[in-house]
N, C-alpha and C. Protein backbone atom coordinates (compact mmCIF):
# COMPACT_ATOMS: atom_id res chain seq x y z
N UNK A 1 27.19 37.37 16.47
CA UNK A 1 26.59 38.81 16.36
C UNK A 1 25.49 38.92 15.51
N UNK A 2 24.66 39.74 15.53
CA UNK A 2 23.45 39.88 15.09
C UNK A 2 23.67 40.51 13.43
N UNK A 3 23.01 40.14 12.65
CA UNK A 3 23.01 40.52 11.33
C UNK A 3 22.11 42.11 11.28
N UNK A 4 22.99 42.89 10.84
CA UNK A 4 22.17 43.92 10.90
C UNK A 4 21.59 44.81 9.96
N UNK A 5 21.39 43.96 8.76
CA UNK A 5 20.74 44.25 7.93
C UNK A 5 19.56 45.01 7.77
N UNK A 6 18.76 44.44 8.24
CA UNK A 6 17.01 44.86 8.54
C UNK A 6 17.51 46.23 9.38
N UNK A 7 18.15 46.20 10.05
CA UNK A 7 18.29 47.81 10.94
C UNK A 7 18.56 49.09 10.39
N UNK A 8 19.34 48.42 8.87
CA UNK A 8 19.90 49.27 7.97
C UNK A 8 18.68 50.06 7.08
N UNK A 9 17.85 48.93 7.05
CA UNK A 9 16.50 48.86 5.77
C UNK A 9 15.83 49.68 6.75
N UNK A 10 15.38 49.38 8.02
CA UNK A 10 14.34 49.74 8.57
C UNK A 10 14.65 51.30 8.54
N UNK A 11 15.95 51.71 9.16
CA UNK A 11 16.25 53.01 9.33
C UNK A 11 16.46 53.96 8.13
N UNK A 12 16.56 53.20 7.21
CA UNK A 12 16.68 54.17 6.05
C UNK A 12 15.01 54.63 5.85
N UNK A 13 14.16 53.74 5.49
CA UNK A 13 12.63 53.55 5.61
C UNK A 13 12.54 54.75 6.19
N UNK A 14 12.84 54.77 7.46
CA UNK A 14 11.97 55.67 8.47
C UNK A 14 12.41 57.22 7.97
N UNK A 15 13.80 57.35 7.70
CA UNK A 15 14.38 58.35 7.07
C UNK A 15 13.67 58.93 6.00
N UNK A 16 13.34 57.75 5.14
CA UNK A 16 12.77 58.44 3.57
C UNK A 16 11.35 59.06 3.90
N UNK A 17 10.59 58.43 4.86
CA UNK A 17 9.35 58.87 5.19
C UNK A 17 9.39 59.89 5.96
N UNK A 18 10.63 60.15 6.70
CA UNK A 18 10.52 61.58 7.50
C UNK A 18 10.85 62.47 6.52
N UNK A 19 11.79 62.45 5.75
CA UNK A 19 12.41 63.47 4.63
C UNK A 19 11.22 64.03 3.76
N UNK A 20 10.41 62.99 3.23
CA UNK A 20 9.29 63.35 2.58
C UNK A 20 8.37 64.23 3.15
N UNK A 21 8.36 64.17 4.24
CA UNK A 21 7.29 65.01 5.05
C UNK A 21 7.97 66.20 5.69
N UNK A 22 8.90 66.24 5.70
CA UNK A 22 9.93 67.65 5.51
C UNK A 22 9.97 68.00 7.12
N UNK A 23 10.01 66.65 7.74
CA UNK A 23 10.66 66.73 9.16
C UNK A 23 11.82 66.60 9.59
N UNK A 24 12.10 67.14 10.70
CA UNK A 24 13.69 66.97 11.04
C UNK A 24 13.41 65.99 12.38
N UNK A 25 14.95 65.33 12.62
CA UNK A 25 14.66 64.28 13.26
C UNK A 25 14.22 64.64 14.89
N UNK A 26 14.60 66.05 15.34
CA UNK A 26 13.76 66.58 16.42
C UNK A 26 12.11 66.58 16.29
N UNK A 27 11.74 67.11 15.42
CA UNK A 27 10.17 67.09 15.29
C UNK A 27 9.74 65.64 15.09
N UNK A 28 10.31 64.92 14.60
CA UNK A 28 9.47 63.39 14.43
C UNK A 28 9.62 62.80 15.91
N UNK A 29 10.87 62.87 16.34
CA UNK A 29 10.67 62.32 18.06
C UNK A 29 10.07 63.10 19.10
N UNK A 30 9.95 64.20 18.68
CA UNK A 30 8.92 65.06 19.66
C UNK A 30 7.41 64.58 19.21
N UNK A 31 6.94 64.30 17.99
CA UNK A 31 5.54 63.77 17.60
C UNK A 31 5.59 62.34 17.94
N UNK A 32 6.66 61.50 18.15
CA UNK A 32 6.61 60.08 18.59
C UNK A 32 6.64 59.78 19.91
N UNK A 33 7.33 61.09 20.61
CA UNK A 33 7.20 60.77 22.32
C UNK A 33 8.52 60.08 22.43
N UNK A 34 9.82 60.06 21.55
CA UNK A 34 11.00 59.59 21.47
C UNK A 34 12.14 60.84 21.35
N UNK A 35 13.08 60.59 21.89
CA UNK A 35 14.36 61.54 21.91
C UNK A 35 14.57 61.85 20.53
N UNK A 36 14.93 63.00 20.25
CA UNK A 36 15.40 62.96 18.64
C UNK A 36 16.83 62.29 18.32
N UNK A 37 17.74 61.84 19.53
CA UNK A 37 18.80 61.51 19.10
C UNK A 37 18.45 59.71 19.19
N UNK A 38 17.24 59.21 19.50
CA UNK A 38 16.81 57.91 19.56
C UNK A 38 16.51 57.71 17.91
N UNK A 39 15.79 58.90 17.56
CA UNK A 39 15.36 58.53 15.87
C UNK A 39 16.75 58.66 15.31
N UNK A 40 17.69 59.18 15.39
CA UNK A 40 18.89 59.61 14.74
C UNK A 40 19.80 58.24 14.82
N UNK A 41 19.75 57.17 16.01
CA UNK A 41 20.34 56.02 16.25
C UNK A 41 19.81 54.88 15.40
N UNK A 42 18.49 55.10 15.40
CA UNK A 42 17.51 54.31 14.29
C UNK A 42 17.75 54.29 12.97
N UNK A 43 17.99 55.58 12.37
CA UNK A 43 18.24 56.09 10.87
C UNK A 43 19.56 55.47 10.75
N UNK A 44 20.30 55.30 11.78
CA UNK A 44 22.03 54.94 11.15
C UNK A 44 21.99 53.75 11.70
N UNK A 45 21.00 53.24 11.85
CA UNK A 45 21.14 51.59 12.25
C UNK A 45 22.27 51.05 13.84
N UNK A 46 21.95 52.16 14.26
CA UNK A 46 23.01 52.11 15.60
C UNK A 46 21.88 51.46 17.05
N UNK A 47 20.75 51.51 16.62
CA UNK A 47 19.70 50.91 17.60
C UNK A 47 18.84 50.12 17.27
N UNK A 48 18.91 48.82 18.15
CA UNK A 48 17.70 48.17 18.06
C UNK A 48 16.06 48.79 18.10
N UNK A 49 15.66 48.97 17.36
CA UNK A 49 14.15 49.91 17.66
C UNK A 49 13.58 48.71 18.30
N UNK A 50 12.10 48.99 19.06
CA UNK A 50 11.55 48.40 19.59
C UNK A 50 9.95 48.03 18.69
N UNK A 51 9.66 47.35 18.98
CA UNK A 51 7.99 47.22 18.30
C UNK A 51 7.28 48.41 18.50
N UNK A 52 6.88 48.36 19.91
CA UNK A 52 6.45 49.59 20.53
C UNK A 52 6.93 51.03 20.02
N UNK A 53 8.20 51.21 19.94
CA UNK A 53 8.78 52.56 19.33
C UNK A 53 8.30 52.49 17.87
N UNK A 54 8.23 51.64 16.96
CA UNK A 54 8.08 51.53 15.67
C UNK A 54 6.57 52.08 15.43
N UNK A 55 5.50 51.47 16.50
CA UNK A 55 4.32 51.84 16.22
C UNK A 55 4.14 53.38 16.48
N UNK A 56 4.71 54.10 17.35
CA UNK A 56 4.54 55.49 17.70
C UNK A 56 5.29 56.36 16.61
N UNK A 57 6.22 55.97 15.85
CA UNK A 57 6.96 56.31 15.10
C UNK A 57 5.78 56.55 13.57
N UNK A 58 5.58 55.11 13.54
CA UNK A 58 4.59 55.06 12.16
C UNK A 58 3.50 56.23 12.57
N UNK A 59 2.97 56.20 13.62
CA UNK A 59 1.72 56.99 13.71
C UNK A 59 2.25 58.45 13.69
N UNK A 60 3.53 58.94 14.13
CA UNK A 60 3.93 60.21 14.13
C UNK A 60 4.21 60.68 12.54
N UNK A 61 4.38 59.57 11.95
CA UNK A 61 4.48 59.55 10.50
C UNK A 61 3.59 59.56 9.47
N UNK A 62 2.65 59.30 10.26
CA UNK A 62 1.15 59.39 9.43
C UNK A 62 1.01 57.98 8.82
N UNK A 63 1.84 56.88 8.94
CA UNK A 63 1.61 56.10 7.85
C UNK A 63 1.22 54.45 8.91
N UNK A 64 0.71 53.49 8.15
CA UNK A 64 0.57 52.37 8.89
C UNK A 64 1.61 51.86 9.37
N UNK A 65 1.82 50.88 10.25
CA UNK A 65 2.83 50.05 11.09
C UNK A 65 3.16 48.98 10.04
N UNK A 66 2.75 48.79 9.00
CA UNK A 66 3.06 47.72 8.15
C UNK A 66 3.65 48.84 6.70
N UNK A 67 3.60 50.13 6.61
CA UNK A 67 4.09 50.97 5.76
C UNK A 67 5.72 51.10 6.24
N UNK A 68 5.95 50.90 7.34
CA UNK A 68 7.40 50.88 7.60
C UNK A 68 8.19 49.88 6.70
N UNK A 69 7.38 48.88 6.74
CA UNK A 69 7.92 47.76 6.08
C UNK A 69 7.98 47.59 4.74
N UNK A 70 7.82 48.48 3.76
CA UNK A 70 7.40 48.38 2.34
C UNK A 70 8.84 49.38 1.99
N UNK A 71 9.74 48.28 1.97
CA UNK A 71 10.82 48.81 1.43
C UNK A 71 11.24 48.32 -0.08
N UNK A 72 10.84 48.38 -1.15
CA UNK A 72 10.70 47.59 -2.37
C UNK A 72 12.30 48.25 -2.86
N UNK A 73 12.61 49.15 -2.52
CA UNK A 73 14.13 49.88 -3.38
C UNK A 73 15.06 49.54 -2.59
N UNK A 74 14.98 48.71 -1.43
CA UNK A 74 16.00 47.75 -0.88
C UNK A 74 15.85 46.52 -1.22
N UNK A 75 17.00 45.62 -1.42
CA UNK A 75 17.08 44.55 -1.92
C UNK A 75 18.34 43.53 -1.02
N UNK A 76 18.03 42.82 -0.17
CA UNK A 76 18.95 42.35 0.66
C UNK A 76 19.70 41.47 -0.48
N UNK A 77 20.92 41.23 -0.20
CA UNK A 77 21.94 40.39 -1.10
C UNK A 77 21.51 38.91 -0.91
N UNK A 78 20.98 38.64 0.32
CA UNK A 78 20.56 37.05 0.50
C UNK A 78 18.87 36.88 0.51
N UNK A 79 18.17 37.89 -0.34
CA UNK A 79 16.90 37.72 -0.52
C UNK A 79 16.61 36.76 -1.20
N UNK A 80 15.91 35.48 -0.92
CA UNK A 80 15.50 34.35 -1.58
C UNK A 80 14.39 35.15 -2.53
N UNK A 81 13.94 34.23 -3.95
CA UNK A 81 13.20 34.43 -4.82
C UNK A 81 11.88 34.73 -4.40
N UNK A 82 11.46 33.75 -3.32
CA UNK A 82 9.97 33.87 -2.54
C UNK A 82 9.98 35.02 -1.56
N UNK A 83 11.04 35.36 -1.09
CA UNK A 83 10.90 36.88 -0.57
C UNK A 83 10.88 37.82 -1.47
N UNK A 84 11.31 38.38 -2.48
CA UNK A 84 11.49 39.11 -3.27
C UNK A 84 9.77 39.02 -3.96
N UNK A 85 9.08 37.84 -4.88
CA UNK A 85 7.82 38.00 -4.74
C UNK A 85 6.84 38.49 -3.53
N UNK A 86 7.36 38.16 -2.44
CA UNK A 86 6.27 38.45 -1.28
C UNK A 86 6.28 39.92 -0.79
N UNK A 87 7.87 40.63 -1.18
CA UNK A 87 7.61 42.17 -1.04
C UNK A 87 7.35 42.59 -2.02
N UNK A 88 6.90 42.01 -2.95
CA UNK A 88 6.37 42.73 -4.38
C UNK A 88 4.61 42.61 -4.50
N UNK A 89 4.28 41.56 -3.78
CA UNK A 89 3.18 41.39 -3.66
C UNK A 89 2.47 42.08 -2.47
N UNK A 90 3.26 42.29 -1.28
CA UNK A 90 2.83 43.11 -0.22
C UNK A 90 2.97 44.40 -0.58
N UNK A 91 3.75 45.32 -1.28
CA UNK A 91 3.85 46.82 -1.84
C UNK A 91 2.64 46.99 -2.64
N UNK A 92 2.11 45.58 -3.71
CA UNK A 92 0.81 46.16 -4.18
C UNK A 92 -0.25 46.15 -3.56
N UNK A 93 -0.53 45.17 -2.86
CA UNK A 93 -1.94 44.85 -1.96
C UNK A 93 -1.68 46.35 -1.00
N UNK A 94 -0.83 46.73 -0.17
CA UNK A 94 -0.63 47.97 0.36
C UNK A 94 -1.42 49.10 -0.40
N UNK A 95 -1.52 49.57 -1.10
CA UNK A 95 -1.66 50.25 -2.37
C UNK A 95 -3.10 50.16 -2.42
N UNK A 96 -4.01 49.21 -2.57
CA UNK A 96 -5.22 48.82 -2.64
C UNK A 96 -6.43 49.07 -1.95
N UNK A 97 -7.62 49.56 -2.58
CA UNK A 97 -8.68 49.67 -1.26
C UNK A 97 -9.18 48.72 -0.54
N UNK A 98 -9.82 48.62 0.52
CA UNK A 98 -10.29 47.91 1.30
C UNK A 98 -11.22 46.81 0.27
N UNK A 99 -12.11 47.67 0.24
CA UNK A 99 -13.43 46.80 -1.02
C UNK A 99 -12.41 45.55 -2.33
N UNK A 100 -11.42 46.74 -2.95
CA UNK A 100 -10.41 45.51 -3.73
C UNK A 100 -9.86 44.18 -2.73
N UNK A 101 -9.46 45.02 -1.81
CA UNK A 101 -8.75 43.56 -0.71
C UNK A 101 -9.28 42.47 -0.68
N UNK A 102 -10.75 42.85 -0.21
CA UNK A 102 -11.66 41.89 0.17
C UNK A 102 -12.45 40.97 -1.06
N UNK A 103 -12.28 41.48 -2.32
CA UNK A 103 -12.62 41.01 -3.25
C UNK A 103 -11.40 39.96 -3.92
N UNK A 104 -10.51 40.39 -3.57
CA UNK A 104 -9.34 39.58 -3.89
C UNK A 104 -8.91 38.41 -2.69
N UNK A 105 -8.91 39.14 -1.16
CA UNK A 105 -9.54 37.89 -0.65
C UNK A 105 -10.43 36.33 -1.07
N UNK A 106 -11.34 36.65 -0.91
CA UNK A 106 -12.19 35.85 -1.52
C UNK A 106 -11.47 35.08 -3.22
N UNK A 107 -11.36 35.78 -3.83
CA UNK A 107 -10.83 35.24 -4.87
C UNK A 107 -9.84 34.14 -4.81
N UNK A 108 -8.46 34.52 -3.75
CA UNK A 108 -7.48 33.68 -3.71
C UNK A 108 -8.21 32.85 -2.73
N UNK A 109 -8.93 32.87 -2.09
CA UNK A 109 -9.58 31.41 -0.74
C UNK A 109 -10.25 30.39 -2.25
N UNK A 110 -11.07 31.14 -2.82
CA UNK A 110 -11.52 29.97 -4.02
C UNK A 110 -10.84 29.61 -5.10
N UNK A 111 -9.80 30.24 -5.40
CA UNK A 111 -8.89 29.43 -6.13
C UNK A 111 -8.30 28.36 -5.51
N UNK A 112 -7.53 28.55 -4.10
CA UNK A 112 -6.63 27.63 -3.58
C UNK A 112 -7.61 26.70 -2.77
N UNK A 113 -8.98 26.63 -2.38
CA UNK A 113 -9.94 25.64 -1.91
C UNK A 113 -10.35 24.53 -2.83
N UNK A 114 -10.21 25.27 -4.25
CA UNK A 114 -10.65 24.35 -5.45
C UNK A 114 -9.18 23.15 -5.91
N UNK A 115 -8.25 23.74 -5.42
CA UNK A 115 -7.27 22.95 -6.14
C UNK A 115 -6.65 22.04 -5.05
């Protein structure tokens, strides 16, 4: 049987973003071009959402696709130390301006090429 922890986490993230924007499930469903009951099932981790529909939902929420995966307040019990660090880094990077990301990318590449 499939471990549905990721479905719970993604569903909660979508619910949080929807509520932050003051949207009902019906409104989000209409904006994303999916049925409102599908949004409810995703939020309750009853449905395995497709990547295509995640992209539609992200657009309807006016966030990037990757913003759906910024769920720092949710920690899986089996999360490795590496996963925790990567999640923290990703959250920090997602908030940076493009010009700063470019600088950081150059810095990282130069740092690891020298070692």
